[in-house]
Amino acid sequence: MRHFFVLAALLVAHGIFAGPVLADPAITDIHPFKLHPGINKVPGFGVNGETFTIVQGWRGNGNAHGYNVFLVLSPEAESQPAGVTGVMSEGAGLPLDTIRDDPFDGERQMGVIHFARAKVDGTPQTILIDAHLDSTAGRPFADHEKATIRIYTLIRNDSGSDQPDLFTPATVLHTTKVYCNVQLALRDALHIPLGDFSGPNQKDGCF
């Protein structure tokens, strides 16, 4: 744990983050699940190790503003063989049923979604990472913007109502460094590998 906070202090000093860095809770050892378009069976995804299904579908828009939509399904809900796993998003009255990214034109990815296993305060859990570049009125789209990274943890909802499994907010990061591709913010913040990266450079992704 001591090494984590030393790393956090260094990241603040180098201008990557503003304010507390993953201070509450500490999220470490992040290993994203590898997904593909279509139906993904993901063993060990559930709170008790259940296999979940993640459906990834492309919402075409005829231009640079298409995006992926993700539907997370648990193995049961109210005696049905598939239950929707919602996301308790800040400000939303009800859990969101689906999640979406925002790849924009590929070179300038505005929004990226990752499902992953990680340690949350030392305990292995399934998390959702939702990272987006901020937007500033009057500025060019996806051009030298700070990033906001929201992290959610998967919980089992034993209340007998609503979805049996939910993603609930854990922490939010706000970078002080600006980017033109949010993948680079995730690399700097959480050490998530770039994977398929088509930006003009690997410093900030800006032209």
Protein backbone atom coordinates (compact mmCIF):
# COMPACT_ATOMS: atom_id res chain seq x y z
CA MET A 1 0.00 0.00 0.00
CA ARG A 2 2.88 2.36 0.80
CA HIS A 3 4.23 1.89 -2.75
CA PHE A 4 0.82 2.82 -4.16
CA PHE A 5 0.70 6.18 -2.40
CA VAL A 6 4.30 6.94 -3.36
CA LEU A 7 3.31 6.31 -7.00
CA ALA A 8 0.25 8.54 -6.57
CA ALA A 9 2.37 11.39 -5.24
CA LEU A 10 4.76 11.08 -8.18
CA LEU A 11 1.88 11.17 -10.69
CA VAL A 12 0.53 14.36 -9.10
CA ALA A 13 3.99 15.92 -9.16
CA HIS A 14 4.35 15.18 -12.86
CA GLY A 15 1.02 16.83 -13.66
CA ILE A 16 -0.92 13.73 -14.69
CA PHE A 17 -3.60 14.02 -11.99
CA ALA A 18 -5.31 16.75 -10.04
CA GLY A 19 -6.22 16.18 -6.41
CA PRO A 20 -6.41 12.74 -4.73
CA VAL A 21 -5.32 9.82 -6.88
CA LEU A 22 -7.29 6.62 -6.34
CA ALA A 23 -7.14 7.46 -2.63
CA ASP A 24 -10.52 6.00 -1.73
CA PRO A 25 -10.46 3.17 -2.54
CA ALA A 26 -7.03 2.04 -3.77
CA ILE A 27 -7.44 0.20 -7.09
CA THR A 28 -4.46 -1.81 -8.29
CA ASP A 29 -3.47 -4.83 -10.43
CA ILE A 30 -5.92 -4.02 -13.21
CA HIS A 31 -6.36 -6.74 -15.85
CA PRO A 32 -8.96 -5.87 -18.53
CA PHE A 33 -11.08 -8.63 -20.05
CA LYS A 34 -10.49 -9.06 -23.77
CA LEU A 35 -13.74 -8.59 -25.68
CA HIS A 36 -14.72 -8.83 -29.34
CA PRO A 37 -17.76 -7.66 -31.33
CA GLY A 38 -20.71 -9.97 -30.72
CA ILE A 39 -21.34 -12.30 -27.77
CA ASN A 40 -18.60 -12.73 -25.15
CA LYS A 41 -18.73 -15.40 -22.44
CA VAL A 42 -16.63 -14.12 -19.52
CA PRO A 43 -15.79 -16.72 -16.83
CA GLY A 44 -15.12 -15.41 -13.33
CA PHE A 45 -16.87 -12.09 -13.98
CA GLY A 46 -19.52 -12.31 -11.25
CA VAL A 47 -19.11 -11.52 -7.57
CA ASN A 48 -19.14 -15.25 -6.79
CA GLY A 49 -17.17 -16.26 -9.87
CA GLU A 50 -20.13 -16.71 -12.20
CA THR A 51 -19.75 -16.61 -15.97
CA PHE A 52 -21.38 -13.48 -17.37
CA THR A 53 -22.24 -12.63 -20.97
CA ILE A 54 -21.22 -9.30 -22.50
CA VAL A 55 -22.83 -8.35 -25.81
CA GLN A 56 -20.82 -5.81 -27.79
CA GLY A 57 -22.62 -4.26 -30.75
CA TRP A 58 -21.72 -1.46 -33.15
CA ARG A 59 -24.16 1.43 -33.47
CA GLY A 60 -23.36 2.78 -36.94
CA ASN A 61 -23.94 6.43 -37.73
CA GLY A 62 -22.64 6.77 -41.28
CA ASN A 63 -19.74 8.99 -40.16
CA ALA A 64 -17.12 9.31 -37.42
CA HIS A 65 -19.69 9.22 -34.62
CA GLY A 66 -20.53 5.51 -34.52
CA TYR A 67 -19.91 3.75 -31.21
CA ASN A 68 -19.95 0.40 -29.40
CA VAL A 69 -22.81 -0.46 -27.05
CA PHE A 70 -22.23 -2.99 -24.25
CA LEU A 71 -24.95 -5.06 -22.57
CA VAL A 72 -23.81 -7.01 -19.50
CA LEU A 73 -25.89 -10.09 -18.63
CA SER A 74 -25.79 -12.10 -15.41
CA PRO A 75 -26.75 -15.81 -15.52
CA GLU A 76 -30.11 -15.25 -13.82
CA ALA A 77 -32.74 -12.69 -12.83
CA GLU A 78 -36.20 -13.42 -11.41
CA SER A 79 -35.93 -17.05 -12.58
CA GLN A 80 -34.96 -15.93 -16.08
CA PRO A 81 -31.70 -17.22 -17.64
CA ALA A 82 -30.22 -13.76 -18.29
CA GLY A 83 -30.39 -10.63 -16.18
CA VAL A 84 -29.41 -7.09 -17.13
CA THR A 85 -26.53 -5.75 -15.04
CA GLY A 86 -27.02 -2.00 -14.71
CA VAL A 87 -24.69 0.88 -13.92
CA MET A 88 -25.54 3.30 -11.14
CA SER A 89 -24.32 6.41 -12.91
CA GLU A 90 -23.95 9.66 -11.00
CA GLY A 91 -27.08 11.77 -11.33
CA ALA A 92 -29.16 8.97 -12.88
CA GLY A 93 -32.29 7.99 -11.00
CA LEU A 94 -32.26 4.41 -12.28
CA PRO A 95 -29.38 2.14 -13.31
CA LEU A 96 -28.34 2.48 -16.94
CA ASP A 97 -29.08 -0.73 -18.85
CA THR A 98 -26.36 -0.29 -21.48
CA ILE A 99 -22.91 1.29 -21.67
CA ARG A 100 -21.29 2.98 -24.66
CA ASP A 101 -17.88 4.16 -25.72
CA ASP A 102 -16.97 7.00 -28.09
CA PRO A 103 -14.18 6.05 -30.53
CA PHE A 104 -14.89 9.12 -32.71
CA ASP A 105 -12.49 8.79 -35.68
CA GLY A 106 -10.16 6.19 -34.16
CA GLU A 107 -7.19 8.55 -34.02
CA ARG A 108 -8.94 10.71 -31.44
CA GLN A 109 -10.83 8.39 -29.14
CA MET A 110 -13.14 10.40 -26.92
CA GLY A 111 -14.44 7.56 -24.77
CA VAL A 112 -13.18 4.08 -23.88
CA ILE A 113 -14.84 1.32 -21.85
CA HIS A 114 -12.99 -1.49 -20.05
CA PHE A 115 -14.30 -4.32 -17.92
CA ALA A 116 -11.54 -5.71 -15.73
CA ARG A 117 -10.49 -7.66 -12.68
CA ALA A 118 -8.60 -5.60 -10.14
CA LYS A 119 -7.79 -5.34 -6.47
CA VAL A 120 -9.97 -2.84 -4.65
CA ASP A 121 -8.29 -2.03 -1.34
CA GLY A 122 -6.50 -5.36 -1.78
CA THR A 123 -9.63 -7.43 -2.50
CA PRO A 124 -10.09 -8.93 -6.01
CA GLN A 125 -13.20 -7.53 -7.70
CA THR A 126 -14.70 -6.94 -11.12
CA ILE A 127 -14.67 -3.30 -12.15
CA LEU A 128 -15.93 -1.11 -14.96
CA ILE A 129 -13.71 1.70 -16.24
CA ASP A 130 -15.43 4.50 -18.16
CA ALA A 131 -12.92 7.05 -19.46
CA HIS A 132 -13.83 10.11 -21.52
CA LEU A 133 -12.12 13.26 -22.66
CA ASP A 134 -13.77 16.38 -21.32
CA SER A 135 -15.26 18.93 -23.71
CA THR A 136 -14.89 22.69 -23.66
CA ALA A 137 -17.41 24.98 -25.35
CA GLY A 138 -15.91 26.84 -28.29
CA ARG A 139 -12.92 24.51 -28.62
CA PRO A 140 -12.24 21.96 -31.39
CA PHE A 141 -13.67 18.49 -30.75
CA ALA A 142 -11.29 16.05 -28.97
CA ASP A 143 -8.43 18.54 -29.09
CA HIS A 144 -6.14 18.95 -26.06
CA GLU A 145 -8.67 18.13 -23.34
CA LYS A 146 -8.36 16.79 -19.82
CA ALA A 147 -9.79 13.32 -19.12
CA THR A 148 -12.30 12.05 -16.57
CA ILE A 149 -12.01 8.39 -15.56
CA ARG A 150 -14.88 6.84 -13.62
CA ILE A 151 -14.41 3.47 -11.95
CA TYR A 152 -17.29 1.28 -10.80
CA THR A 153 -17.26 -1.97 -8.80
CA LEU A 154 -19.60 -4.90 -9.40
CA ILE A 155 -21.77 -5.77 -6.40
CA ARG A 156 -24.39 -8.38 -5.70
CA ASN A 157 -27.79 -6.79 -5.06
CA ASP A 158 -29.50 -8.97 -2.45
CA SER A 159 -32.41 -6.60 -1.81
CA GLY A 160 -34.79 -8.79 -3.83
CA SER A 161 -35.64 -5.98 -6.21
CA ASP A 162 -34.03 -4.36 -9.24
CA GLN A 163 -31.16 -6.04 -11.06
CA PRO A 164 -29.45 -8.85 -9.10
CA ASP A 165 -26.04 -7.38 -10.02
CA LEU A 166 -25.03 -3.73 -10.32
CA PHE A 167 -22.00 -1.57 -11.03
CA THR A 168 -21.73 1.11 -8.35
CA PRO A 169 -19.40 4.16 -8.30
CA ALA A 170 -16.02 3.62 -6.62
CA THR A 171 -13.85 6.61 -7.55
CA VAL A 172 -13.31 9.33 -10.17
CA LEU A 173 -10.03 10.62 -11.58
CA HIS A 174 -9.52 13.98 -13.29
CA THR A 175 -6.28 14.46 -15.18
CA THR A 176 -4.42 17.75 -15.29
CA LYS A 177 -2.56 16.67 -18.44
CA VAL A 178 -4.45 17.21 -21.71
CA TYR A 179 -4.90 14.61 -24.46
CA CYS A 180 -6.47 14.08 -27.87
CA ASN A 181 -6.96 10.35 -27.25
CA VAL A 182 -8.30 9.04 -23.96
CA GLN A 183 -6.42 5.74 -24.39
CA LEU A 184 -3.26 7.63 -23.44
CA ALA A 185 -4.89 8.94 -20.27
CA LEU A 186 -5.73 5.36 -19.30
CA ARG A 187 -2.18 4.28 -20.01
CA ASP A 188 -0.78 7.05 -17.81
CA ALA A 189 -3.39 6.72 -15.06
CA LEU A 190 -3.96 2.99 -14.78
CA HIS A 191 -1.16 1.42 -16.86
CA ILE A 192 -3.65 -0.13 -19.29
CA PRO A 193 -1.83 -1.16 -22.50
CA LEU A 194 -2.71 0.82 -25.62
CA GLY A 195 -3.57 -2.20 -27.77
CA ASP A 196 -4.65 -1.05 -31.23
CA PHE A 197 -3.59 2.59 -31.23
CA SER A 198 -3.82 4.74 -34.34
CA GLY A 199 -3.10 8.21 -32.96
CA PRO A 200 -0.38 10.45 -34.40
CA ASN A 201 1.87 10.08 -31.34
CA GLN A 202 1.97 8.24 -28.02
CA LYS A 203 2.64 11.32 -25.88
CA ASP A 204 -0.78 12.96 -25.95
CA GLY A 205 -2.32 11.77 -29.25
CA CYS A 206 -2.51 15.30 -30.62
CA PHE A 207 -1.50 16.46 -34.09
